[in-house]
C-alpha atoms as a PDB file:
ATOM      1  CA  MET A   1      87.098  68.844 102.138  1.00  0.00           C
ATOM      2  CA  ASN A   2      85.734  70.856  99.214  1.00  0.00           C
ATOM      3  CA  LEU A   3      85.946  67.760  96.951  1.00  0.00           C
ATOM      4  CA  PHE A   4      83.958  65.699  99.421  1.00  0.00           C
ATOM      5  CA  LEU A   5      81.253  68.456  99.521  1.00  0.00           C
ATOM      6  CA  ASP A   6      81.116  68.408  95.752  1.00  0.00           C
ATOM      7  CA  TYR A   7      80.604  64.622  95.562  1.00  0.00           C
ATOM      8  CA  LEU A   8      78.050  64.867  98.375  1.00  0.00           C
ATOM      9  CA  THR A   9      76.138  67.526  96.418  1.00  0.00           C
ATOM     10  CA  VAL A  10      76.179  65.464  93.214  1.00  0.00           C
ATOM     11  CA  ILE A  11      74.950  62.361  95.144  1.00  0.00           C
ATOM     12  CA  ALA A  12      72.198  64.384  96.875  1.00  0.00           C
ATOM     13  CA  LEU A  13      71.070  65.886  93.563  1.00  0.00           C
ATOM     14  CA  PHE A  14      70.962  62.403  91.904  1.00  0.00           C
ATOM     15  CA  ALA A  15      68.955  61.054  94.786  1.00  0.00           C
ATOM     16  CA  PHE A  16      66.572  63.991  94.581  1.00  0.00           C
ATOM     17  CA  VAL A  17      65.983  63.356  90.813  1.00  0.00           C
ATOM     18  CA  ALA A  18      65.896  59.551  91.099  1.00  0.00           C
ATOM     19  CA  LEU A  19      63.562  59.288  94.227  1.00  0.00           C
ATOM     20  CA  PRO A  20      60.210  60.006  92.373  1.00  0.00           C
ATOM     21  CA  ALA A  21      61.066  57.468  89.655  1.00  0.00           C
ATOM     22  CA  THR A  22      61.989  54.817  92.221  1.00  0.00           C
ATOM     23  CA  VAL A  23      58.712  55.444  94.266  1.00  0.00           C
ATOM     24  CA  GLY A  24      56.828  55.095  90.981  1.00  0.00           C
ATOM     25  CA  LEU A  25      58.532  51.917  90.053  1.00  0.00           C
ATOM     26  CA  ILE A  26      57.840  50.349  93.437  1.00  0.00           C
ATOM     27  CA  ARG A  27      54.201  51.443  93.227  1.00  0.00           C
ATOM     28  CA  GLU A  28      53.817  49.918  89.740  1.00  0.00           C
ATOM     29  CA  ARG A  29      55.347  46.638  90.797  1.00  0.00           C
ATOM     30  CA  ARG A  30      53.012  46.447  93.736  1.00  0.00           C
ATOM     31  CA  ILE A  31      50.012  47.112  91.609  1.00  0.00           C
ATOM     32  CA  THR A  32      51.173  44.585  89.038  1.00  0.00           C
ATOM     33  CA  ARG A  33      51.592  41.868  91.694  1.00  0.00           C
ATOM     34  CA  GLN A  34      48.128  42.592  93.080  1.00  0.00           C
ATOM     35  CA  LEU A  35      46.560  42.303  89.648  1.00  0.00           C
ATOM     36  CA  ARG A  36      48.400  39.046  89.034  1.00  0.00           C
ATOM     37  CA  ASP A  37      47.378  37.605  92.372  1.00  0.00           C
ATOM     38  CA  ALA A  38      43.733  38.588  91.753  1.00  0.00           C
ATOM     39  CA  GLU A  39      43.892  37.083  88.272  1.00  0.00           C
ATOM     40  CA  ARG A  40      45.070  33.823  89.694  1.00  0.00           C
ATOM     41  CA  GLY A  41      42.642  33.930  92.635  1.00  0.00           C
ATOM     42  CA  GLU A  42      45.315  33.960  95.208  1.00  0.00           C
ATOM     43  CA  ALA A  43      44.073  37.004  97.059  1.00  0.00           C
ATOM     44  CA  ALA A  44      40.879  35.139  98.091  1.00  0.00           C
ATOM     45  CA  ARG A  45      42.907  32.283  99.471  1.00  0.00           C
ATOM     46  CA  ARG A  46      45.142  34.408 101.628  1.00  0.00           C
ATOM     47  CA  GLU A  47      42.140  36.354 103.225  1.00  0.00           C
ATOM     48  CA  PRO A  48      40.705  34.952 106.514  1.00  0.00           C
ATOM     49  CA  HIS A  49      37.387  33.151 106.091  1.00  0.00           C
ATOM     50  CA  SER A  50      34.418  35.158 107.241  1.00  0.00           C
ATOM     51  CA  ALA A  51      30.661  34.897 107.169  1.00  0.00           C
ATOM     52  CA  ALA A  52      30.186  37.530 104.486  1.00  0.00           C
ATOM     53  CA  ARG A  53      32.312  36.517 101.442  1.00  0.00           C
ATOM     54  CA  PRO A  54      31.616  37.757  97.969  1.00  0.00           C
ATOM     55  CA  TYR A  55      30.248  35.381  95.228  1.00  0.00           C
ATOM     56  CA  LYS A  56      33.213  33.801  93.329  1.00  0.00           C
ATOM     57  CA  VAL A  57      32.816  33.866  89.520  1.00  0.00           C
ATOM     58  CA  THR A  58      34.820  31.337  87.549  1.00  0.00           C
ATOM     59  CA  ARG A  59      36.050  32.196  84.051  1.00  0.00           C
ATOM     60  CA  HIS A  60      36.300  29.716  81.289  1.00  0.00           C
ATOM     61  CA  SER A  61      38.797  29.990  78.566  1.00  0.00           C
ATOM     62  CA  TYR A  62      37.625  29.111  75.142  1.00  0.00           C
ATOM     63  CA  PRO A  63      40.124  27.572  72.680  1.00  0.00           C
ATOM     64  CA  LYS A  64      39.208  29.761  69.719  1.00  0.00           C
ATOM     65  CA  GLY A  65      38.160  32.896  71.509  1.00  0.00           C
ATOM     66  CA  TRP A  66      35.082  34.980  71.028  1.00  0.00           C
ATOM     67  CA  ALA A  67      35.702  36.051  67.447  1.00  0.00           C
ATOM     68  CA  LYS A  68      34.260  34.008  64.636  1.00  0.00           C
ATOM     69  CA  ALA A  69      36.790  33.222  61.974  1.00  0.00           C
END
């Protein structure tokens, strides 16, 4: 019984230490997914259509970039 409590204590301490890192990792993945969806423009397609929609700006990619070589 004592060995079981020792293992249980170690597992509980590991979970206590690993929980904040796991929550942070999940939050970072959610934010990354939201940024990627916004960059692709998928967030606007998933939202229901309403009368008051923001103006959509299109971005053009230039082959050589903005810097002059």
